[in-house]
Amino acid sequence: MAVKYDKLFHLLIDRKITNVQLAQKADVSANIITRLKRDPYISMESIERLCVALNCRVDDILEFISNENEEVNKQ
């Protein structure tokens, strides 16, 4: 399963929060924000900090997407 953070960036747009503001508010590095854009693994601690800073739930900022390989293996 892949993790997508598109919901997070939509939430930031809706709330008019910049990436820099998010990094400061959540006390995470700019590297974490960059990694969010590329959809690699982010620690649960970082996800928790983001949720606390934005006053939201995990499912408000990320979603799991099935990998095509997993779909092929299931068939």
PDB file of N, CA and C in Angstrom:
ATOM      1  N   MET A   1       0.837  -1.183   0.000  1.00  0.00           N
ATOM      2  CA  MET A   1       0.000   0.000   0.000  1.00  0.00           C
ATOM      3  C   MET A   1       0.879   1.242   0.000  1.00  0.00           C
ATOM      4  N   ALA A   2       0.461   2.185  -0.769  1.00  0.00           N
ATOM      5  CA  ALA A   2       1.140   3.479  -0.810  1.00  0.00           C
ATOM      6  C   ALA A   2       0.338   4.478   0.010  1.00  0.00           C
ATOM      7  N   VAL A   3       1.030   5.465   0.526  1.00  0.00           N
ATOM      8  CA  VAL A   3       0.382   6.513   1.295  1.00  0.00           C
ATOM      9  C   VAL A   3       0.419   7.792   0.464  1.00  0.00           C
ATOM     10  N   LYS A   4      -0.718   8.450   0.363  1.00  0.00           N
ATOM     11  CA  LYS A   4      -0.822   9.716  -0.359  1.00  0.00           C
ATOM     12  C   LYS A   4      -1.214  10.810   0.631  1.00  0.00           C
ATOM     13  N   TYR A   5      -0.567  11.947   0.505  1.00  0.00           N
ATOM     14  CA  TYR A   5      -0.828  13.078   1.398  1.00  0.00           C
ATOM     15  C   TYR A   5      -1.551  14.213   0.685  1.00  0.00           C
ATOM     16  N   ASP A   6      -2.212  13.913  -0.409  1.00  0.00           N
ATOM     17  CA  ASP A   6      -2.943  14.935  -1.158  1.00  0.00           C
ATOM     18  C   ASP A   6      -3.966  15.659  -0.282  1.00  0.00           C
ATOM     19  N   LYS A   7      -4.619  14.909   0.598  1.00  0.00           N
ATOM     20  CA  LYS A   7      -5.622  15.513   1.481  1.00  0.00           C
ATOM     21  C   LYS A   7      -5.006  16.601   2.357  1.00  0.00           C
ATOM     22  N   LEU A   8      -3.778  16.374   2.797  1.00  0.00           N
ATOM     23  CA  LEU A   8      -3.090  17.361   3.625  1.00  0.00           C
ATOM     24  C   LEU A   8      -2.921  18.670   2.859  1.00  0.00           C
ATOM     25  N   PHE A   9      -2.460  18.575   1.628  1.00  0.00           N
ATOM     26  CA  PHE A   9      -2.206  19.791   0.862  1.00  0.00           C
ATOM     27  C   PHE A   9      -3.496  20.504   0.464  1.00  0.00           C
ATOM     28  N   HIS A  10      -4.572  19.754   0.285  1.00  0.00           N
ATOM     29  CA  HIS A  10      -5.878  20.389   0.053  1.00  0.00           C
ATOM     30  C   HIS A  10      -6.338  21.126   1.315  1.00  0.00           C
ATOM     31  N   LEU A  11      -6.098  20.505   2.463  1.00  0.00           N
ATOM     32  CA  LEU A  11      -6.459  21.122   3.738  1.00  0.00           C
ATOM     33  C   LEU A  11      -5.668  22.417   3.950  1.00  0.00           C
ATOM     34  N   LEU A  12      -4.388  22.393   3.613  1.00  0.00           N
ATOM     35  CA  LEU A  12      -3.560  23.590   3.750  1.00  0.00           C
ATOM     36  C   LEU A  12      -4.073  24.714   2.858  1.00  0.00           C
ATOM     37  N   ILE A  13      -4.465  24.377   1.649  1.00  0.00           N
ATOM     38  CA  ILE A  13      -5.013  25.385   0.732  1.00  0.00           C
ATOM     39  C   ILE A  13      -6.309  25.959   1.298  1.00  0.00           C
ATOM     40  N   ASP A  14      -7.180  25.073   1.777  1.00  0.00           N
ATOM     41  CA  ASP A  14      -8.459  25.533   2.335  1.00  0.00           C
ATOM     42  C   ASP A  14      -8.256  26.467   3.526  1.00  0.00           C
ATOM     43  N   ARG A  15      -7.239  26.172   4.330  1.00  0.00           N
ATOM     44  CA  ARG A  15      -6.984  26.971   5.530  1.00  0.00           C
ATOM     45  C   ARG A  15      -5.986  28.103   5.287  1.00  0.00           C
ATOM     46  N   LYS A  16      -5.515  28.205   4.059  1.00  0.00           N
ATOM     47  CA  LYS A  16      -4.545  29.251   3.687  1.00  0.00           C
ATOM     48  C   LYS A  16      -3.292  29.196   4.556  1.00  0.00           C
ATOM     49  N   ILE A  17      -2.754  27.989   4.716  1.00  0.00           N
ATOM     50  CA  ILE A  17      -1.534  27.763   5.486  1.00  0.00           C
ATOM     51  C   ILE A  17      -0.422  27.382   4.516  1.00  0.00           C
ATOM     52  N   THR A  18       0.711  28.042   4.633  1.00  0.00           N
ATOM     53  CA  THR A  18       1.847  27.717   3.765  1.00  0.00           C
ATOM     54  C   THR A  18       2.621  26.535   4.342  1.00  0.00           C
ATOM     55  N   ASN A  19       3.482  25.968   3.518  1.00  0.00           N
ATOM     56  CA  ASN A  19       4.324  24.862   3.979  1.00  0.00           C
ATOM     57  C   ASN A  19       5.231  25.307   5.123  1.00  0.00           C
ATOM     58  N   VAL A  20       5.764  26.518   5.026  1.00  0.00           N
ATOM     59  CA  VAL A  20       6.640  27.044   6.076  1.00  0.00           C
ATOM     60  C   VAL A  20       5.858  27.211   7.378  1.00  0.00           C
ATOM     61  N   GLN A  21       4.652  27.741   7.281  1.00  0.00           N
ATOM     62  CA  GLN A  21       3.819  27.902   8.478  1.00  0.00           C
ATOM     63  C   GLN A  21       3.500  26.547   9.104  1.00  0.00           C
ATOM     64  N   LEU A  22       3.209  25.564   8.278  1.00  0.00           N
ATOM     65  CA  LEU A  22       2.920  24.229   8.794  1.00  0.00           C
ATOM     66  C   LEU A  22       4.133  23.656   9.507  1.00  0.00           C
ATOM     67  N   ALA A  23       5.303  23.767   8.907  1.00  0.00           N
ATOM     68  CA  ALA A  23       6.528  23.245   9.517  1.00  0.00           C
ATOM     69  C   ALA A  23       6.767  23.892  10.880  1.00  0.00           C
ATOM     70  N   GLN A  24       6.554  25.198  10.964  1.00  0.00           N
ATOM     71  CA  GLN A  24       6.752  25.901  12.231  1.00  0.00           C
ATOM     72  C   GLN A  24       5.700  25.501  13.263  1.00  0.00           C
ATOM     73  N   LYS A  25       4.462  25.457  12.837  1.00  0.00           N
ATOM     74  CA  LYS A  25       3.357  25.147  13.749  1.00  0.00           C
ATOM     75  C   LYS A  25       3.444  23.712  14.277  1.00  0.00           C
ATOM     76  N   ALA A  26       3.854  22.785  13.416  1.00  0.00           N
ATOM     77  CA  ALA A  26       3.937  21.374  13.804  1.00  0.00           C
ATOM     78  C   ALA A  26       5.304  21.012  14.360  1.00  0.00           C
ATOM     79  N   ASP A  27       6.238  21.956  14.324  1.00  0.00           N
ATOM     80  CA  ASP A  27       7.603  21.728  14.789  1.00  0.00           C
ATOM     81  C   ASP A  27       8.243  20.527  14.075  1.00  0.00           C
ATOM     82  N   VAL A  28       8.143  20.555  12.734  1.00  0.00           N
ATOM     83  CA  VAL A  28       8.793  19.544  11.905  1.00  0.00           C
ATOM     84  C   VAL A  28       9.738  20.267  10.944  1.00  0.00           C
ATOM     85  N   SER A  29      10.681  19.526  10.419  1.00  0.00           N
ATOM     86  CA  SER A  29      11.673  20.135   9.527  1.00  0.00           C
ATOM     87  C   SER A  29      11.100  20.330   8.122  1.00  0.00           C
ATOM     88  N   ALA A  30      11.764  21.186   7.375  1.00  0.00           N
ATOM     89  CA  ALA A  30      11.388  21.390   5.976  1.00  0.00           C
ATOM     90  C   ALA A  30      11.540  20.095   5.193  1.00  0.00           C
ATOM     91  N   ASN A  31      12.466  19.240   5.618  1.00  0.00           N
ATOM     92  CA  ASN A  31      12.665  17.941   4.987  1.00  0.00           C
ATOM     93  C   ASN A  31      11.402  17.078   5.076  1.00  0.00           C
ATOM     94  N   ILE A  32      10.719  17.132   6.189  1.00  0.00           N
ATOM     95  CA  ILE A  32       9.469  16.367   6.358  1.00  0.00           C
ATOM     96  C   ILE A  32       8.425  16.872   5.368  1.00  0.00           C
ATOM     97  N   ILE A  33       8.315  18.174   5.202  1.00  0.00           N
ATOM     98  CA  ILE A  33       7.342  18.742   4.264  1.00  0.00           C
ATOM     99  C   ILE A  33       7.677  18.291   2.842  1.00  0.00           C
ATOM    100  N   THR A  34       8.943  18.299   2.499  1.00  0.00           N
ATOM    101  CA  THR A  34       9.366  17.833   1.176  1.00  0.00           C
ATOM    102  C   THR A  34       9.030  16.366   0.986  1.00  0.00           C
ATOM    103  N   ARG A  35       9.262  15.562   2.001  1.00  0.00           N
ATOM    104  CA  ARG A  35       8.945  14.133   1.913  1.00  0.00           C
ATOM    105  C   ARG A  35       7.448  13.906   1.756  1.00  0.00           C
ATOM    106  N   LEU A  36       6.644  14.744   2.395  1.00  0.00           N
ATOM    107  CA  LEU A  36       5.194  14.627   2.245  1.00  0.00           C
ATOM    108  C   LEU A  36       4.773  14.829   0.795  1.00  0.00           C
ATOM    109  N   LYS A  37       5.448  15.715   0.107  1.00  0.00           N
ATOM    110  CA  LYS A  37       5.124  15.985  -1.295  1.00  0.00           C
ATOM    111  C   LYS A  37       5.477  14.813  -2.195  1.00  0.00           C
ATOM    112  N   ARG A  38       6.436  14.019  -1.782  1.00  0.00           N
ATOM    113  CA  ARG A  38       6.902  12.896  -2.599  1.00  0.00           C
ATOM    114  C   ARG A  38       6.300  11.565  -2.167  1.00  0.00           C
ATOM    115  N   ASP A  39       5.513  11.565  -1.115  1.00  0.00           N
ATOM    116  CA  ASP A  39       4.775  10.399  -0.619  1.00  0.00           C
ATOM    117  C   ASP A  39       5.618   9.228  -0.107  1.00  0.00           C
ATOM    118  N   PRO A  40       6.823   9.467   0.442  1.00  0.00           N
ATOM    119  CA  PRO A  40       7.519   8.333   1.059  1.00  0.00           C
ATOM    120  C   PRO A  40       7.049   8.161   2.496  1.00  0.00           C
ATOM    121  N   TYR A  41       7.704   7.260   3.203  1.00  0.00           N
ATOM    122  CA  TYR A  41       7.344   6.993   4.593  1.00  0.00           C
ATOM    123  C   TYR A  41       7.595   8.219   5.465  1.00  0.00           C
ATOM    124  N   ILE A  42       6.650   8.528   6.321  1.00  0.00           N
ATOM    125  CA  ILE A  42       6.768   9.584   7.326  1.00  0.00           C
ATOM    126  C   ILE A  42       6.467   8.933   8.674  1.00  0.00           C
ATOM    127  N   SER A  43       7.251   9.233   9.675  1.00  0.00           N
ATOM    128  CA  SER A  43       7.060   8.607  10.981  1.00  0.00           C
ATOM    129  C   SER A  43       5.698   8.967  11.575  1.00  0.00           C
ATOM    130  N   MET A  44       5.214   8.086  12.421  1.00  0.00           N
ATOM    131  CA  MET A  44       3.943   8.351  13.103  1.00  0.00           C
ATOM    132  C   MET A  44       4.060   9.575  14.002  1.00  0.00           C
ATOM    133  N   GLU A  45       5.237   9.821  14.548  1.00  0.00           N
ATOM    134  CA  GLU A  45       5.448  10.998  15.385  1.00  0.00           C
ATOM    135  C   GLU A  45       5.218  12.274  14.570  1.00  0.00           C
ATOM    136  N   SER A  46       5.725  12.297  13.344  1.00  0.00           N
ATOM    137  CA  SER A  46       5.533  13.464  12.483  1.00  0.00           C
ATOM    138  C   SER A  46       4.074  13.620  12.098  1.00  0.00           C
ATOM    139  N   ILE A  47       3.409  12.521  11.796  1.00  0.00           N
ATOM    140  CA  ILE A  47       1.989  12.566  11.453  1.00  0.00           C
ATOM    141  C   ILE A  47       1.176  13.070  12.646  1.00  0.00           C
ATOM    142  N   GLU A  48       1.525  12.608  13.832  1.00  0.00           N
ATOM    143  CA  GLU A  48       0.839  13.072  15.037  1.00  0.00           C
ATOM    144  C   GLU A  48       1.030  14.573  15.229  1.00  0.00           C
ATOM    145  N   ARG A  49       2.239  15.059  15.020  1.00  0.00           N
ATOM    146  CA  ARG A  49       2.514  16.491  15.171  1.00  0.00           C
ATOM    147  C   ARG A  49       1.691  17.315  14.176  1.00  0.00           C
ATOM    148  N   LEU A  50       1.592  16.819  12.956  1.00  0.00           N
ATOM    149  CA  LEU A  50       0.799  17.508  11.942  1.00  0.00           C
ATOM    150  C   LEU A  50      -0.672  17.561  12.351  1.00  0.00           C
ATOM    151  N   CYS A  51      -1.186  16.445  12.813  1.00  0.00           N
ATOM    152  CA  CYS A  51      -2.601  16.391  13.213  1.00  0.00           C
ATOM    153  C   CYS A  51      -2.886  17.312  14.399  1.00  0.00           C
ATOM    154  N   VAL A  52      -1.988  17.346  15.358  1.00  0.00           N
ATOM    155  CA  VAL A  52      -2.173  18.225  16.514  1.00  0.00           C
ATOM    156  C   VAL A  52      -2.123  19.685  16.061  1.00  0.00           C
ATOM    157  N   ALA A  53      -1.162  20.015  15.217  1.00  0.00           N
ATOM    158  CA  ALA A  53      -1.009  21.391  14.742  1.00  0.00           C
ATOM    159  C   ALA A  53      -2.214  21.852  13.933  1.00  0.00           C
ATOM    160  N   LEU A  54      -2.796  20.942  13.165  1.00  0.00           N
ATOM    161  CA  LEU A  54      -3.936  21.289  12.314  1.00  0.00           C
ATOM    162  C   LEU A  54      -5.290  20.986  12.965  1.00  0.00           C
ATOM    163  N   ASN A  55      -5.242  20.385  14.158  1.00  0.00           N
ATOM    164  CA  ASN A  55      -6.466  20.003  14.863  1.00  0.00           C
ATOM    165  C   ASN A  55      -7.347  19.145  13.955  1.00  0.00           C
ATOM    166  N   CYS A  56      -6.758  18.049  13.475  1.00  0.00           N
ATOM    167  CA  CYS A  56      -7.491  17.161  12.577  1.00  0.00           C
ATOM    168  C   CYS A  56      -7.136  15.709  12.884  1.00  0.00           C
ATOM    169  N   ARG A  57      -7.773  14.810  12.177  1.00  0.00           N
ATOM    170  CA  ARG A  57      -7.520  13.380  12.344  1.00  0.00           C
ATOM    171  C   ARG A  57      -6.583  12.902  11.244  1.00  0.00           C
ATOM    172  N   VAL A  58      -6.021  11.722  11.440  1.00  0.00           N
ATOM    173  CA  VAL A  58      -5.097  11.152  10.467  1.00  0.00           C
ATOM    174  C   VAL A  58      -5.769  10.999   9.106  1.00  0.00           C
ATOM    175  N   ASP A  59      -7.009  10.543   9.088  1.00  0.00           N
ATOM    176  CA  ASP A  59      -7.677  10.343   7.799  1.00  0.00           C
ATOM    177  C   ASP A  59      -8.047  11.660   7.111  1.00  0.00           C
ATOM    178  N   ASP A  60      -7.837  12.779   7.802  1.00  0.00           N
ATOM    179  CA  ASP A  60      -8.030  14.084   7.170  1.00  0.00           C
ATOM    180  C   ASP A  60      -6.813  14.517   6.350  1.00  0.00           C
ATOM    181  N   ILE A  61      -5.659  13.874   6.595  1.00  0.00           N
ATOM    182  CA  ILE A  61      -4.445  14.310   5.909  1.00  0.00           C
ATOM    183  C   ILE A  61      -3.791  13.244   5.038  1.00  0.00           C
ATOM    184  N   LEU A  62      -4.193  11.996   5.188  1.00  0.00           N
ATOM    185  CA  LEU A  62      -3.576  10.965   4.353  1.00  0.00           C
ATOM    186  C   LEU A  62      -4.583   9.902   3.978  1.00  0.00           C
ATOM    187  N   GLU A  63      -4.216   9.151   2.944  1.00  0.00           N
ATOM    188  CA  GLU A  63      -5.038   8.009   2.536  1.00  0.00           C
ATOM    189  C   GLU A  63      -4.121   6.921   1.998  1.00  0.00           C
ATOM    190  N   PHE A  64      -4.570   5.705   2.117  1.00  0.00           N
ATOM    191  CA  PHE A  64      -3.827   4.562   1.609  1.00  0.00           C
ATOM    192  C   PHE A  64      -4.352   4.203   0.225  1.00  0.00           C
ATOM    193  N   ILE A  65      -3.424   3.994  -0.694  1.00  0.00           N
ATOM    194  CA  ILE A  65      -3.753   3.643  -2.064  1.00  0.00           C
ATOM    195  C   ILE A  65      -3.131   2.296  -2.365  1.00  0.00           C
ATOM    196  N   SER A  66      -3.899   1.401  -2.947  1.00  0.00           N
ATOM    197  CA  SER A  66      -3.361   0.095  -3.324  1.00  0.00           C
ATOM    198  C   SER A  66      -2.333   0.243  -4.425  1.00  0.00           C
ATOM    199  N   ASN A  67      -1.266  -0.499  -4.283  1.00  0.00           N
ATOM    200  CA  ASN A  67      -0.262  -0.540  -5.350  1.00  0.00           C
ATOM    201  C   ASN A  67      -0.769  -1.440  -6.462  1.00  0.00           C
ATOM    202  N   GLU A  68      -0.432  -1.119  -7.680  1.00  0.00           N
ATOM    203  CA  GLU A  68      -0.851  -1.957  -8.809  1.00  0.00           C
ATOM    204  C   GLU A  68      -0.290  -3.356  -8.664  1.00  0.00           C
ATOM    205  N   ASN A  69       0.901  -3.480  -8.142  1.00  0.00           N
ATOM    206  CA  ASN A  69       1.521  -4.796  -7.952  1.00  0.00           C
ATOM    207  C   ASN A  69       0.711  -5.656  -6.991  1.00  0.00           C
ATOM    208  N   GLU A  70       0.206  -5.067  -5.950  1.00  0.00           N
ATOM    209  CA  GLU A  70      -0.611  -5.806  -4.994  1.00  0.00           C
ATOM    210  C   GLU A  70      -1.896  -6.300  -5.648  1.00  0.00           C
ATOM    211  N   GLU A  71      -2.486  -5.471  -6.496  1.00  0.00           N
ATOM    212  CA  GLU A  71      -3.714  -5.853  -7.184  1.00  0.00           C
ATOM    213  C   GLU A  71      -3.457  -7.032  -8.116  1.00  0.00           C
ATOM    214  N   VAL A  72      -2.338  -7.027  -8.813  1.00  0.00           N
ATOM    215  CA  VAL A  72      -2.003  -8.116  -9.728  1.00  0.00           C
ATOM    216  C   VAL A  72      -1.746  -9.398  -8.954  1.00  0.00           C
ATOM    217  N   ASN A  73      -1.075  -9.304  -7.809  1.00  0.00           N
ATOM    218  CA  ASN A  73      -0.762 -10.473  -7.004  1.00  0.00           C
ATOM    219  C   ASN A  73      -2.008 -11.101  -6.403  1.00  0.00           C
ATOM    220  N   LYS A  74      -3.018 -10.312  -6.137  1.00  0.00           N
ATOM    221  CA  LYS A  74      -4.251 -10.832  -5.546  1.00  0.00           C
ATOM    222  C   LYS A  74      -5.076 -11.636  -6.537  1.00  0.00           C
ATOM    223  N   GLN A  75      -4.896 -11.376  -7.820  1.00  0.00           N
ATOM    224  CA  GLN A  75      -5.727 -12.043  -8.826  1.00  0.00           C
ATOM    225  C   GLN A  75      -5.186 -13.380  -9.199  1.00  0.00           C
TER     226      GLN A  75
END
